[in-house]
Amino acid sequence: MKKIKSLNKIKSDFQQFQHKFWEVEIILDDSSINEINTFLKKYIEITSKLSRSNIEQQLRVHDQAFDSWNESFKLASSDLVEIKNGLRKEFRKILRK
């Protein structure tokens, strides 16, 4: 039950972020927009794997549930961090202009 609440919170936060992005997208550079879109796609991939892990756990397919959870953790700790660092650089360039 705790995982489901956490997953729902993650999804809700993501939707809020996505809506804020759509509100400010018009003022961002194309390179920043591309970086944010990459971030959004990766975030969707991660939350999809987390959702799949949760379903697999409920179905008592524990090995697959662990694999899905592990894949999402790896993506969050490597790919997502890399994308975030790229965004940080983009925003800093924009702020210096």
N, C-alpha and C. Protein backbone atom coordinates (compact mmCIF):
# COMPACT_ATOMS: atom_id res chain seq x y z
N MET A 1 0.82 -1.19 0.00
CA MET A 1 0.00 0.00 0.00
C MET A 1 0.87 1.26 0.00
N LYS A 2 1.98 1.23 0.75
CA LYS A 2 2.87 2.38 0.82
C LYS A 2 3.48 2.69 -0.54
N LYS A 3 3.86 1.63 -1.29
CA LYS A 3 4.42 1.83 -2.62
C LYS A 3 3.40 2.46 -3.55
N ILE A 4 2.16 2.05 -3.45
CA ILE A 4 1.11 2.61 -4.32
C ILE A 4 0.94 4.10 -4.03
N LYS A 5 0.91 4.48 -2.75
CA LYS A 5 0.79 5.90 -2.40
C LYS A 5 1.99 6.69 -2.91
N SER A 6 3.19 6.12 -2.75
CA SER A 6 4.40 6.79 -3.23
C SER A 6 4.37 6.94 -4.74
N LEU A 7 3.96 5.90 -5.43
CA LEU A 7 3.89 5.94 -6.89
C LEU A 7 2.86 6.97 -7.35
N ASN A 8 1.72 7.03 -6.68
CA ASN A 8 0.71 8.03 -7.03
C ASN A 8 1.23 9.44 -6.80
N LYS A 9 2.01 9.64 -5.74
CA LYS A 9 2.61 10.96 -5.47
C LYS A 9 3.60 11.33 -6.56
N ILE A 10 4.42 10.36 -6.99
CA ILE A 10 5.39 10.59 -8.06
C ILE A 10 4.66 11.00 -9.34
N LYS A 11 3.60 10.28 -9.66
CA LYS A 11 2.83 10.59 -10.88
C LYS A 11 2.20 11.96 -10.78
N SER A 12 1.66 12.30 -9.63
CA SER A 12 1.04 13.61 -9.43
C SER A 12 2.07 14.73 -9.56
N ASP A 13 3.24 14.55 -8.95
CA ASP A 13 4.30 15.55 -9.06
C ASP A 13 4.74 15.73 -10.50
N PHE A 14 4.84 14.60 -11.22
CA PHE A 14 5.24 14.67 -12.62
C PHE A 14 4.22 15.46 -13.43
N GLN A 15 2.95 15.20 -13.21
CA GLN A 15 1.91 15.93 -13.95
C GLN A 15 1.98 17.43 -13.66
N GLN A 16 2.23 17.79 -12.42
CA GLN A 16 2.37 19.21 -12.07
C GLN A 16 3.56 19.82 -12.77
N PHE A 17 4.68 19.11 -12.79
CA PHE A 17 5.87 19.60 -13.48
C PHE A 17 5.59 19.78 -14.97
N GLN A 18 4.94 18.80 -15.56
CA GLN A 18 4.63 18.86 -16.99
C GLN A 18 3.74 20.06 -17.30
N HIS A 19 2.74 20.30 -16.49
CA HIS A 19 1.86 21.44 -16.72
C HIS A 19 2.60 22.76 -16.57
N LYS A 20 3.48 22.87 -15.59
CA LYS A 20 4.29 24.09 -15.41
C LYS A 20 5.19 24.30 -16.62
N PHE A 21 5.76 23.21 -17.12
CA PHE A 21 6.60 23.30 -18.31
C PHE A 21 5.81 23.84 -19.49
N TRP A 22 4.60 23.35 -19.69
CA TRP A 22 3.78 23.81 -20.79
C TRP A 22 3.45 25.29 -20.64
N GLU A 23 3.33 25.77 -19.41
CA GLU A 23 3.05 27.18 -19.17
C GLU A 23 4.22 28.08 -19.56
N VAL A 24 5.45 27.62 -19.32
CA VAL A 24 6.62 28.47 -19.56
C VAL A 24 7.38 28.10 -20.83
N GLU A 25 6.94 27.09 -21.51
CA GLU A 25 7.65 26.61 -22.70
C GLU A 25 7.87 27.71 -23.72
N ILE A 26 6.94 28.61 -23.84
CA ILE A 26 7.01 29.65 -24.86
C ILE A 26 8.21 30.58 -24.66
N ILE A 27 8.70 30.71 -23.44
CA ILE A 27 9.81 31.64 -23.18
C ILE A 27 11.17 30.96 -23.15
N LEU A 28 11.22 29.66 -23.30
CA LEU A 28 12.48 28.93 -23.22
C LEU A 28 13.15 28.79 -24.57
N ASP A 29 14.48 28.67 -24.54
CA ASP A 29 15.24 28.38 -25.75
C ASP A 29 14.90 26.98 -26.24
N ASP A 30 15.09 26.76 -27.54
CA ASP A 30 14.82 25.43 -28.11
C ASP A 30 15.67 24.35 -27.45
N SER A 31 16.93 24.66 -27.13
CA SER A 31 17.78 23.65 -26.51
C SER A 31 17.26 23.27 -25.13
N SER A 32 16.74 24.23 -24.38
CA SER A 32 16.15 23.93 -23.07
C SER A 32 14.89 23.10 -23.21
N ILE A 33 14.09 23.44 -24.19
CA ILE A 33 12.86 22.69 -24.45
C ILE A 33 13.20 21.24 -24.79
N ASN A 34 14.22 21.04 -25.61
CA ASN A 34 14.63 19.68 -25.97
C ASN A 34 15.11 18.91 -24.75
N GLU A 35 15.89 19.57 -23.89
CA GLU A 35 16.38 18.92 -22.67
C GLU A 35 15.22 18.54 -21.75
N ILE A 36 14.26 19.43 -21.60
CA ILE A 36 13.11 19.15 -20.73
C ILE A 36 12.27 18.02 -21.31
N ASN A 37 12.08 18.02 -22.61
CA ASN A 37 11.34 16.92 -23.24
C ASN A 37 12.05 15.58 -23.04
N THR A 38 13.37 15.59 -23.12
CA THR A 38 14.14 14.37 -22.85
C THR A 38 13.93 13.93 -21.41
N PHE A 39 13.94 14.88 -20.48
CA PHE A 39 13.69 14.59 -19.08
C PHE A 39 12.31 13.99 -18.89
N LEU A 40 11.30 14.59 -19.52
CA LEU A 40 9.93 14.10 -19.39
C LEU A 40 9.79 12.68 -19.92
N LYS A 41 10.39 12.40 -21.06
CA LYS A 41 10.32 11.06 -21.64
C LYS A 41 10.97 10.03 -20.72
N LYS A 42 12.13 10.38 -20.16
CA LYS A 42 12.82 9.46 -19.27
C LYS A 42 12.01 9.24 -17.98
N TYR A 43 11.40 10.31 -17.49
CA TYR A 43 10.58 10.23 -16.28
C TYR A 43 9.39 9.30 -16.52
N ILE A 44 8.78 9.41 -17.69
CA ILE A 44 7.66 8.52 -18.04
C ILE A 44 8.14 7.07 -18.10
N GLU A 45 9.30 6.85 -18.68
CA GLU A 45 9.85 5.49 -18.75
C GLU A 45 10.07 4.92 -17.34
N ILE A 46 10.60 5.74 -16.47
CA ILE A 46 10.86 5.29 -15.09
C ILE A 46 9.57 4.99 -14.36
N THR A 47 8.60 5.89 -14.42
CA THR A 47 7.34 5.65 -13.71
C THR A 47 6.58 4.47 -14.30
N SER A 48 6.73 4.22 -15.58
CA SER A 48 6.11 3.05 -16.19
C SER A 48 6.70 1.77 -15.62
N LYS A 49 8.01 1.74 -15.47
CA LYS A 49 8.67 0.57 -14.89
C LYS A 49 8.28 0.39 -13.42
N LEU A 50 8.14 1.50 -12.70
CA LEU A 50 7.70 1.41 -11.30
C LEU A 50 6.28 0.87 -11.22
N SER A 51 5.42 1.33 -12.11
CA SER A 51 4.03 0.84 -12.14
C SER A 51 4.00 -0.65 -12.47
N ARG A 52 4.81 -1.03 -13.45
CA ARG A 52 4.87 -2.45 -13.82
C ARG A 52 5.38 -3.29 -12.65
N SER A 53 6.39 -2.79 -11.95
CA SER A 53 6.91 -3.49 -10.79
C SER A 53 5.83 -3.69 -9.73
N ASN A 54 5.05 -2.67 -9.51
CA ASN A 54 3.97 -2.75 -8.53
C ASN A 54 2.93 -3.79 -8.92
N ILE A 55 2.55 -3.81 -10.19
CA ILE A 55 1.58 -4.80 -10.68
C ILE A 55 2.15 -6.20 -10.57
N GLU A 56 3.42 -6.35 -10.97
CA GLU A 56 4.06 -7.66 -10.90
C GLU A 56 4.14 -8.15 -9.45
N GLN A 57 4.38 -7.23 -8.53
CA GLN A 57 4.43 -7.62 -7.12
C GLN A 57 3.06 -8.08 -6.64
N GLN A 58 2.01 -7.39 -7.06
CA GLN A 58 0.66 -7.79 -6.68
C GLN A 58 0.30 -9.16 -7.26
N LEU A 59 0.84 -9.44 -8.45
CA LEU A 59 0.60 -10.73 -9.09
C LEU A 59 1.54 -11.81 -8.56
N ARG A 60 2.37 -11.42 -7.62
CA ARG A 60 3.34 -12.31 -6.97
C ARG A 60 4.38 -12.86 -7.94
N VAL A 61 4.76 -12.04 -8.89
CA VAL A 61 5.85 -12.36 -9.81
C VAL A 61 7.06 -11.56 -9.31
N HIS A 62 7.58 -12.01 -8.18
CA HIS A 62 8.56 -11.21 -7.44
C HIS A 62 9.86 -10.97 -8.19
N ASP A 63 10.36 -11.95 -8.93
CA ASP A 63 11.60 -11.74 -9.68
C ASP A 63 11.44 -10.64 -10.71
N GLN A 64 10.34 -10.69 -11.45
CA GLN A 64 10.10 -9.65 -12.46
C GLN A 64 9.84 -8.31 -11.80
N ALA A 65 9.15 -8.30 -10.67
CA ALA A 65 8.89 -7.05 -9.95
C ALA A 65 10.20 -6.42 -9.52
N PHE A 66 11.11 -7.24 -9.00
CA PHE A 66 12.42 -6.72 -8.59
C PHE A 66 13.18 -6.18 -9.79
N ASP A 67 13.17 -6.91 -10.91
CA ASP A 67 13.88 -6.47 -12.11
C ASP A 67 13.35 -5.13 -12.60
N SER A 68 12.03 -4.97 -12.63
CA SER A 68 11.43 -3.71 -13.08
C SER A 68 11.79 -2.57 -12.14
N TRP A 69 11.74 -2.85 -10.84
CA TRP A 69 12.10 -1.84 -9.84
C TRP A 69 13.57 -1.45 -9.99
N ASN A 70 14.42 -2.46 -10.16
CA ASN A 70 15.85 -2.23 -10.30
C ASN A 70 16.16 -1.42 -11.57
N GLU A 71 15.50 -1.73 -12.68
CA GLU A 71 15.69 -0.98 -13.92
C GLU A 71 15.31 0.48 -13.74
N SER A 72 14.19 0.73 -13.07
CA SER A 72 13.75 2.11 -12.87
C SER A 72 14.73 2.86 -11.97
N PHE A 73 15.25 2.19 -10.95
CA PHE A 73 16.22 2.81 -10.05
C PHE A 73 17.50 3.18 -10.82
N LYS A 74 17.96 2.27 -11.67
CA LYS A 74 19.17 2.55 -12.46
C LYS A 74 18.95 3.75 -13.38
N LEU A 75 17.79 3.81 -14.03
CA LEU A 75 17.49 4.94 -14.91
C LEU A 75 17.43 6.25 -14.13
N ALA A 76 16.83 6.20 -12.95
CA ALA A 76 16.70 7.42 -12.14
C ALA A 76 18.05 7.88 -11.63
N SER A 77 18.92 6.94 -11.28
CA SER A 77 20.19 7.33 -10.70
C SER A 77 21.28 7.61 -11.74
N SER A 78 21.05 7.25 -12.98
CA SER A 78 22.05 7.53 -14.01
C SER A 78 21.49 8.45 -15.10
N ASP A 79 20.58 7.95 -15.91
CA ASP A 79 20.06 8.72 -17.03
C ASP A 79 19.39 10.02 -16.58
N LEU A 80 18.53 9.91 -15.59
CA LEU A 80 17.78 11.09 -15.14
C LEU A 80 18.71 12.13 -14.52
N VAL A 81 19.71 11.68 -13.79
CA VAL A 81 20.68 12.60 -13.19
C VAL A 81 21.47 13.30 -14.29
N GLU A 82 21.86 12.56 -15.31
CA GLU A 82 22.60 13.15 -16.44
C GLU A 82 21.76 14.21 -17.16
N ILE A 83 20.50 13.91 -17.38
CA ILE A 83 19.60 14.86 -18.04
C ILE A 83 19.43 16.10 -17.17
N LYS A 84 19.26 15.90 -15.87
CA LYS A 84 19.11 17.01 -14.94
C LYS A 84 20.35 17.91 -14.97
N ASN A 85 21.52 17.31 -15.00
CA ASN A 85 22.75 18.10 -15.06
C ASN A 85 22.82 18.91 -16.36
N GLY A 86 22.36 18.31 -17.45
CA GLY A 86 22.30 19.04 -18.72
C GLY A 86 21.35 20.21 -18.64
N LEU A 87 20.21 20.02 -18.00
CA LEU A 87 19.25 21.10 -17.81
C LEU A 87 19.84 22.23 -16.97
N ARG A 88 20.55 21.86 -15.94
CA ARG A 88 21.18 22.85 -15.07
C ARG A 88 22.12 23.74 -15.90
N LYS A 89 22.92 23.12 -16.75
CA LYS A 89 23.85 23.87 -17.61
C LYS A 89 23.08 24.79 -18.55
N GLU A 90 22.00 24.27 -19.15
CA GLU A 90 21.20 25.07 -20.06
C GLU A 90 20.62 26.30 -19.37
N PHE A 91 20.04 26.09 -18.19
CA PHE A 91 19.43 27.19 -17.47
C PHE A 91 20.47 28.23 -17.04
N ARG A 92 21.64 27.77 -16.65
CA ARG A 92 22.70 28.71 -16.26
C ARG A 92 23.15 29.54 -17.44
N LYS A 93 23.23 28.92 -18.64
CA LYS A 93 23.59 29.68 -19.84
C LYS A 93 22.55 30.75 -20.11
N ILE A 94 21.29 30.39 -19.95
CA ILE A 94 20.20 31.34 -20.22
C ILE A 94 20.25 32.48 -19.22
N LEU A 95 20.48 32.18 -17.96
CA LEU A 95 20.51 33.21 -16.94
C LEU A 95 21.67 34.19 -17.11
N ARG A 96 22.73 33.75 -17.74
CA ARG A 96 23.89 34.63 -17.98
C ARG A 96 23.66 35.60 -19.12
N LYS A 97 22.70 35.33 -19.96
CA LYS A 97 22.45 36.19 -21.14
C LYS A 97 21.92 37.53 -20.74
